[in-house]
Amino acid sequence: MFHCDPFGRSDPDSIVSYGRTDIHEHNYIFFFDQEPIHLNIHMPTFQRVSDYNIDMTHNRDQNYRLRRAGYLLTSEHNSENVEYVCDKFRWKSAYYFFHGWAALDWYRGYDKTFLIQPVRERNITKTFISPNRIVAGERQHRLEMLYYIFKYGMTNNNISCPTICPAENISILDAIVPLSSKYPDIQDVFSAQTLPINFANETDHPMHSCWLSLFDESAESLLYLVTETIATGRRWHLTEKTFKPIALGMPFVIVGTQGSLEYLRSYGFRTFGHIWDESYDHAEDKDRIDCIASLLRSLNELSASGKQHLFAMAQEVVEHNWNHFYNGGFEAVLWRELQEMLNGIELSL
């Protein structure tokens, strides 16, 4: 068995092996279930795993090496990247929803606290909340979303934006340069903003992935704008970010890959197509963020009473999702999935 350690790393030097050279091992599996696959970044990592297995069987003939059963276990479903990697390294693929388990672990117990305001008592004064921390590199879709927020004058909402991307260590104004061909006015739009934008009582955009926060800002917002880790390509990969609004008792819009809402519904959750247009979920990659921006703009133009009315219409779905997350329904689906995945792994002798 191989995996990357510590949590969050995915480079070749992070690979940890539990294999042994003193016994006859027939199969191996690489747990790459924490991060999405970026072919331009992770191919050396996959090559290292393949090389390790050749090294561990150096005393075997080449045909034996080719017969060994290798599995790539990921948290990406219906993924063209997984298919490419498995074809290249002659691996089989396996999948389970790692981030669903992570969210159940990280957000457990909040339903027993007074931190989250009851849904039916909230006074909605903002359209959305949108925390932004890592915005460069493979997360440029977050800069695209911020471009529309700034361009359409939606900074009256609960948003944050750093001056320097903490992961890539690059300034926002430099990070948006590759987007200039798509958005010719993006430099002017960002330059007109005073950055950074912080939430009250926050500085330096702290990492909040593994816990809930911003309770007051969330309680006054109609929806949570989830800017997921990835937003392009044929693949489904949702993370704990999607479960924050569910655990906070909120409606949501997901900036993710095509079909992300459909994917989430397959786990028993419900979304908000009866209240606003969710056709963005089926839009092509080049159009999806524009569709989401148009939706947010129309919602932002509603009066306070109009936003309160939509939130009231969303309460049944919000409460269903809360109960499904906190009362065992989601966990039961994940257990079935995990057991079916383990039972489906074929061992070659």
Protein backbone atom coordinates (compact mmCIF):
# COMPACT_ATOMS: atom_id res chain seq x y z
CA MET A 1 0.00 0.00 0.00
CA PHE A 2 1.19 3.49 -0.87
CA HIS A 3 -0.09 6.90 0.16
CA CYS A 4 1.15 10.47 0.47
CA ASP A 5 2.11 11.88 3.85
CA PRO A 6 1.59 14.33 5.45
CA PHE A 7 -1.99 15.22 4.57
CA GLY A 8 -2.16 17.65 1.66
CA ARG A 9 1.13 16.72 0.01
CA SER A 10 1.17 14.92 -3.32
CA ASP A 11 4.76 15.19 -4.58
CA PRO A 12 6.95 12.12 -5.23
CA ASP A 13 8.97 12.60 -2.03
CA SER A 14 5.79 12.38 0.07
CA ILE A 15 5.09 8.78 -0.93
CA VAL A 16 5.03 6.30 1.94
CA SER A 17 5.17 2.57 1.22
CA TYR A 18 3.96 -0.29 3.37
CA GLY A 19 5.33 -2.91 1.00
CA ARG A 20 7.94 -5.53 1.89
CA THR A 21 10.74 -7.02 -0.17
CA ASP A 22 11.19 -10.16 1.91
CA ILE A 23 7.87 -11.78 1.02
CA HIS A 24 6.01 -12.53 -2.19
CA GLU A 25 3.51 -9.69 -2.61
CA HIS A 26 0.99 -10.08 -5.40
CA ASN A 27 -0.74 -6.72 -5.58
CA TYR A 28 -0.39 -3.09 -4.66
CA ILE A 29 -2.65 -0.08 -4.29
CA PHE A 30 -1.92 3.65 -4.27
CA PHE A 31 -4.25 5.72 -2.10
CA PHE A 32 -4.35 9.04 -3.93
CA ASP A 33 -7.63 10.03 -2.31
CA GLN A 34 -6.88 13.41 -0.75
CA GLU A 35 -6.17 15.61 -3.77
CA PRO A 36 -7.55 15.96 -7.29
CA ILE A 37 -5.31 14.75 -10.10
CA HIS A 38 -3.51 17.45 -12.08
CA LEU A 39 -1.65 15.74 -14.90
CA ASN A 40 0.80 18.63 -15.24
CA ILE A 41 1.76 18.23 -11.57
CA HIS A 42 1.25 14.64 -10.47
CA MET A 43 2.66 12.43 -13.24
CA PRO A 44 6.09 12.24 -11.48
CA THR A 45 4.29 11.00 -8.36
CA PHE A 46 2.55 8.22 -10.27
CA GLN A 47 5.79 7.32 -12.03
CA ARG A 48 7.55 7.04 -8.66
CA VAL A 49 4.95 4.54 -7.41
CA SER A 50 5.36 2.49 -10.56
CA ASP A 51 9.16 2.55 -10.22
CA TYR A 52 8.97 1.51 -6.57
CA ASN A 53 7.05 -1.60 -7.52
CA ILE A 54 9.56 -2.55 -10.17
CA ASP A 55 12.36 -2.09 -7.64
CA MET A 56 10.56 -4.26 -5.09
CA THR A 57 10.36 -7.12 -7.59
CA HIS A 58 13.82 -6.75 -9.13
CA ASN A 59 14.50 -10.42 -8.57
CA ARG A 60 11.41 -11.41 -10.53
CA ASP A 61 11.19 -11.71 -14.29
CA GLN A 62 9.64 -8.93 -16.36
CA ASN A 63 6.47 -10.89 -17.05
CA TYR A 64 5.85 -11.19 -13.34
CA ARG A 65 6.11 -7.44 -12.94
CA LEU A 66 3.55 -6.90 -15.65
CA ARG A 67 1.19 -9.38 -14.02
CA ARG A 68 1.17 -7.58 -10.66
CA ALA A 69 -2.19 -5.94 -10.01
CA GLY A 70 -1.88 -2.21 -9.40
CA TYR A 71 -4.80 -0.10 -8.21
CA LEU A 72 -5.17 3.67 -8.12
CA LEU A 73 -7.67 4.64 -5.44
CA THR A 74 -8.96 8.20 -5.84
CA SER A 75 -11.72 10.54 -4.74
CA GLU A 76 -12.45 11.52 -8.35
CA HIS A 77 -15.50 9.97 -9.97
CA ASN A 78 -16.09 9.65 -13.71
CA SER A 79 -12.67 11.23 -14.25
CA GLU A 80 -10.85 11.51 -17.56
CA ASN A 81 -7.62 12.10 -15.65
CA VAL A 82 -7.98 8.86 -13.71
CA GLU A 83 -8.63 7.03 -16.96
CA TYR A 84 -5.49 8.49 -18.52
CA VAL A 85 -3.24 7.59 -15.57
CA CYS A 86 -4.61 4.06 -15.29
CA ASP A 87 -4.14 3.47 -19.01
CA LYS A 88 -0.55 4.71 -18.90
CA PHE A 89 0.52 2.66 -15.87
CA ARG A 90 -1.73 -0.37 -16.48
CA TRP A 91 -3.54 0.25 -13.23
CA LYS A 92 -7.12 -0.43 -12.32
CA SER A 93 -9.14 2.33 -10.70
CA ALA A 94 -11.13 2.37 -7.49
CA TYR A 95 -13.11 5.21 -5.92
CA TYR A 96 -14.73 6.30 -2.71
CA PHE A 97 -15.89 9.72 -1.46
CA PHE A 98 -12.96 10.57 0.82
CA HIS A 99 -14.05 14.17 1.39
CA GLY A 100 -17.50 13.07 2.46
CA TRP A 101 -15.89 11.11 5.29
CA ALA A 102 -13.59 14.04 6.07
CA ALA A 103 -16.53 16.44 6.36
CA LEU A 104 -18.44 14.09 8.67
CA ASP A 105 -15.37 13.93 10.89
CA TRP A 106 -14.39 17.59 10.80
CA TYR A 107 -17.88 19.05 11.25
CA ARG A 108 -19.21 16.57 13.79
CA GLY A 109 -20.85 17.99 16.89
CA TYR A 110 -21.68 21.45 15.56
CA ASP A 111 -25.34 20.46 15.48
CA LYS A 112 -25.18 20.18 19.28
CA THR A 113 -23.91 23.75 19.76
CA PHE A 114 -25.46 27.22 19.79
CA LEU A 115 -23.01 28.47 17.17
CA ILE A 116 -25.35 27.91 14.24
CA GLN A 117 -28.43 30.12 14.33
CA PRO A 118 -31.74 28.27 13.79
CA VAL A 119 -32.77 28.47 10.14
CA ARG A 120 -36.26 29.79 10.84
CA GLU A 121 -34.96 32.68 12.95
CA ARG A 122 -32.48 34.20 10.51
CA ASN A 123 -32.66 37.73 9.17
CA ILE A 124 -31.25 37.64 5.63
CA THR A 125 -29.57 40.90 4.62
CA LYS A 126 -26.84 39.66 2.22
CA THR A 127 -26.99 37.63 -0.98
CA PHE A 128 -24.00 35.38 -0.43
CA ILE A 129 -20.88 34.62 1.55
CA SER A 130 -17.70 33.84 -0.41
CA PRO A 131 -14.46 33.14 1.50
CA ASN A 132 -11.38 33.15 -0.75
CA ARG A 133 -7.88 32.11 0.30
CA ILE A 134 -5.94 30.10 -2.31
CA VAL A 135 -6.79 31.81 -5.58
CA ALA A 136 -3.82 31.24 -7.90
CA GLY A 137 -2.23 28.26 -9.62
CA GLU A 138 -4.82 25.54 -10.21
CA ARG A 139 -7.45 27.66 -8.40
CA GLN A 140 -7.74 30.45 -10.96
CA HIS A 141 -11.47 29.87 -11.31
CA ARG A 142 -11.75 31.67 -7.96
CA LEU A 143 -10.15 34.74 -9.52
CA GLU A 144 -12.67 34.52 -12.35
CA MET A 145 -15.49 34.46 -9.83
CA LEU A 146 -14.01 37.41 -7.97
CA TYR A 147 -13.70 39.27 -11.26
CA TYR A 148 -17.46 39.10 -11.72
CA ILE A 149 -18.13 39.96 -8.09
CA PHE A 150 -16.02 43.09 -8.43
CA LYS A 151 -17.23 43.95 -11.95
CA TYR A 152 -20.92 43.67 -11.05
CA GLY A 153 -20.51 45.62 -7.82
CA MET A 154 -21.39 42.74 -5.51
CA THR A 155 -18.85 43.60 -2.83
CA ASN A 156 -21.75 44.53 -0.54
CA ASN A 157 -21.79 40.83 0.36
CA ASN A 158 -19.66 38.79 2.76
CA ILE A 159 -16.50 38.14 0.77
CA SER A 160 -12.77 37.89 1.41
CA CYS A 161 -9.82 38.17 -0.95
CA PRO A 162 -6.06 38.17 -0.20
CA THR A 163 -3.47 40.45 -1.74
CA ILE A 164 -0.96 37.59 -1.97
CA CYS A 165 -2.05 34.01 -2.64
CA PRO A 166 -0.76 32.15 0.46
CA ALA A 167 -0.12 28.89 -1.38
CA GLU A 168 1.48 30.20 -4.57
CA ASN A 169 3.09 33.26 -2.96
CA ILE A 170 2.09 35.41 -5.91
CA SER A 171 0.27 38.73 -5.89
CA ILE A 172 -3.32 38.80 -7.11
CA LEU A 173 -2.46 41.35 -9.80
CA ASP A 174 0.21 39.01 -11.16
CA ALA A 175 -2.01 35.94 -10.84
CA ILE A 176 -4.73 37.45 -13.05
CA VAL A 177 -2.37 38.14 -15.97
CA PRO A 178 -3.09 34.76 -17.67
CA LEU A 179 -6.80 35.62 -17.59
CA SER A 180 -6.38 38.90 -19.46
CA SER A 181 -7.06 37.36 -22.85
CA LYS A 182 -10.42 36.06 -21.65
CA TYR A 183 -11.28 39.18 -19.61
CA PRO A 184 -9.55 42.21 -21.21
CA ASP A 185 -10.61 44.53 -18.38
CA ILE A 186 -9.61 42.24 -15.51
CA GLN A 187 -6.58 44.33 -14.54
CA ASP A 188 -8.69 47.47 -14.30
CA VAL A 189 -11.41 45.68 -12.34
CA PHE A 190 -8.99 44.27 -9.74
CA SER A 191 -6.90 47.45 -9.55
CA ALA A 192 -10.01 49.39 -8.60
CA GLN A 193 -10.43 47.26 -5.46
CA THR A 194 -8.78 47.89 -2.12
CA LEU A 195 -7.14 44.61 -1.16
CA PRO A 196 -6.98 42.60 0.95
CA ILE A 197 -10.63 42.15 1.89
CA ASN A 198 -10.99 40.45 5.27
CA PHE A 199 -13.89 39.28 7.35
CA ALA A 200 -14.40 40.97 10.69
CA ASN A 201 -11.86 39.89 13.32
CA GLU A 202 -9.75 38.09 10.68
CA THR A 203 -6.36 38.85 9.19
CA ASP A 204 -4.14 36.98 6.73
CA HIS A 205 -6.98 34.73 5.53
CA PRO A 206 -6.52 31.77 7.89
CA MET A 207 -7.09 28.19 6.78
CA HIS A 208 -10.55 27.02 7.91
CA SER A 209 -10.92 23.76 5.98
CA CYS A 210 -11.26 21.45 8.95
CA TRP A 211 -13.79 23.40 11.00
CA LEU A 212 -16.82 25.63 10.62
CA SER A 213 -16.54 29.37 11.12
CA LEU A 214 -18.02 32.73 10.07
CA PHE A 215 -21.28 31.89 11.81
CA ASP A 216 -22.66 35.44 11.94
CA GLU A 217 -21.78 36.16 8.29
CA SER A 218 -23.36 32.90 7.20
CA ALA A 219 -26.54 33.48 9.20
CA GLU A 220 -27.24 36.76 7.39
CA SER A 221 -26.49 35.41 3.89
CA LEU A 222 -29.03 33.91 1.50
CA LEU A 223 -26.53 31.38 0.14
CA TYR A 224 -22.98 30.10 0.40
CA LEU A 225 -20.94 30.50 -2.79
CA VAL A 226 -18.79 27.35 -2.80
CA THR A 227 -15.73 27.77 -5.01
CA GLU A 228 -14.54 24.20 -5.17
CA THR A 229 -10.97 22.95 -5.57
CA ILE A 230 -11.45 22.20 -9.27
CA ALA A 231 -13.90 23.58 -11.81
CA THR A 232 -12.86 22.19 -15.20
CA GLY A 233 -12.57 18.88 -16.97
CA ARG A 234 -14.70 15.74 -17.08
CA ARG A 235 -14.57 14.61 -13.49
CA TRP A 236 -16.50 14.91 -10.25
CA HIS A 237 -14.49 15.94 -7.22
CA LEU A 238 -16.24 17.70 -4.36
CA THR A 239 -14.50 18.45 -1.08
CA GLU A 240 -15.38 19.48 2.46
CA LYS A 241 -16.08 22.97 1.05
CA THR A 242 -19.40 21.77 -0.37
CA PHE A 243 -20.48 20.48 3.04
CA LYS A 244 -19.87 23.74 4.87
CA PRO A 245 -23.18 25.33 3.83
CA ILE A 246 -24.99 22.06 4.50
CA ALA A 247 -23.56 21.93 8.04
CA LEU A 248 -24.27 25.65 8.50
CA GLY A 249 -27.89 25.27 7.41
CA MET A 250 -27.62 27.25 4.17
CA PRO A 251 -28.54 27.07 0.49
CA PHE A 252 -25.57 27.02 -1.87
CA VAL A 253 -24.27 27.56 -5.37
CA ILE A 254 -21.29 25.43 -6.40
CA VAL A 255 -18.52 26.67 -8.66
CA GLY A 256 -17.26 23.24 -9.65
CA THR A 257 -17.02 20.85 -12.56
CA GLN A 258 -19.93 20.11 -14.85
CA GLY A 259 -22.56 18.02 -13.07
CA SER A 260 -21.39 18.74 -9.52
CA LEU A 261 -24.94 19.28 -8.27
CA GLU A 262 -26.06 16.08 -9.94
CA TYR A 263 -23.16 14.26 -8.29
CA LEU A 264 -24.08 15.66 -4.86
CA ARG A 265 -27.72 14.64 -5.31
CA SER A 266 -26.61 11.06 -5.98
CA TYR A 267 -25.60 10.92 -2.29
CA GLY A 268 -29.08 11.83 -1.10
CA PHE A 269 -28.77 15.59 -0.84
CA ARG A 270 -31.13 18.05 -2.48
CA THR A 271 -30.36 21.31 -4.28
CA PHE A 272 -32.28 24.49 -5.08
CA GLY A 273 -33.52 24.29 -8.66
CA HIS A 274 -37.06 24.99 -7.47
CA ILE A 275 -35.93 28.44 -6.26
CA TRP A 276 -33.36 29.63 -8.79
CA ASP A 277 -31.86 28.55 -12.08
CA GLU A 278 -29.41 25.67 -11.63
CA SER A 279 -28.79 25.14 -15.34
CA TYR A 280 -25.24 26.40 -14.73
CA ASP A 281 -24.48 22.89 -13.51
CA HIS A 282 -24.74 21.58 -17.08
CA ALA A 283 -23.00 24.52 -18.79
CA GLU A 284 -19.71 23.99 -20.61
CA ASP A 285 -16.53 24.89 -18.76
CA LYS A 286 -16.08 28.11 -20.72
CA ASP A 287 -19.58 29.31 -19.83
CA ARG A 288 -20.26 28.01 -16.31
CA ILE A 289 -18.74 30.83 -14.25
CA ASP A 290 -20.47 33.42 -16.42
CA CYS A 291 -23.80 31.64 -15.82
CA ILE A 292 -23.17 31.60 -12.06
CA ALA A 293 -22.23 35.28 -12.09
CA SER A 294 -25.46 36.16 -13.88
CA LEU A 295 -27.46 34.19 -11.33
CA LEU A 296 -25.74 35.92 -8.40
CA ARG A 297 -26.25 39.30 -10.02
CA SER A 298 -29.99 38.74 -10.40
CA LEU A 299 -30.28 37.54 -6.78
CA ASN A 300 -28.23 40.49 -5.58
CA GLU A 301 -30.70 42.88 -7.16
CA LEU A 302 -33.55 41.54 -5.02
CA SER A 303 -34.84 43.55 -2.11
CA ALA A 304 -34.16 42.41 1.44
CA SER A 305 -37.70 41.04 1.65
CA GLY A 306 -37.18 39.21 -1.64
CA LYS A 307 -34.06 37.50 -0.32
CA GLN A 308 -35.85 36.62 2.91
CA HIS A 309 -38.67 35.09 0.87
CA LEU A 310 -36.28 32.91 -1.13
CA PHE A 311 -34.57 31.77 2.05
CA ALA A 312 -37.95 30.77 3.46
CA MET A 313 -38.65 28.79 0.28
CA ALA A 314 -35.31 27.00 0.74
CA GLN A 315 -35.90 25.92 4.34
CA GLU A 316 -37.35 22.50 3.56
CA VAL A 317 -34.32 21.55 1.45
CA VAL A 318 -31.88 23.11 3.94
CA GLU A 319 -33.37 21.08 6.77
CA HIS A 320 -33.39 17.89 4.69
CA ASN A 321 -29.70 18.31 3.91
CA TRP A 322 -28.87 19.10 7.54
CA ASN A 323 -30.67 15.97 8.75
CA HIS A 324 -29.14 13.80 6.03
CA PHE A 325 -25.67 14.99 7.01
CA TYR A 326 -26.01 14.90 10.80
CA ASN A 327 -28.46 12.05 11.40
CA GLY A 328 -26.75 9.16 9.65
CA GLY A 329 -28.25 9.13 6.17
CA PHE A 330 -25.14 10.34 4.37
CA GLU A 331 -22.88 8.10 6.44
CA ALA A 332 -24.96 5.07 5.52
CA VAL A 333 -24.55 5.86 1.82
CA LEU A 334 -20.79 6.26 2.27
CA TRP A 335 -20.49 2.95 4.12
CA ARG A 336 -22.28 1.09 1.32
CA GLU A 337 -20.05 2.74 -1.25
CA LEU A 338 -16.87 1.95 0.68
CA GLN A 339 -17.80 -1.70 1.19
CA GLU A 340 -18.76 -2.15 -2.46
CA MET A 341 -15.46 -0.60 -3.52
CA LEU A 342 -13.40 -2.90 -1.28
CA ASN A 343 -15.36 -5.95 -2.37
CA GLY A 344 -14.83 -5.01 -6.00
CA ILE A 345 -11.04 -4.99 -5.85
CA GLU A 346 -9.77 -8.09 -7.62
CA LEU A 347 -6.64 -9.79 -6.32
CA SER A 348 -4.41 -11.61 -8.78
CA LEU A 349 -2.33 -14.48 -7.48
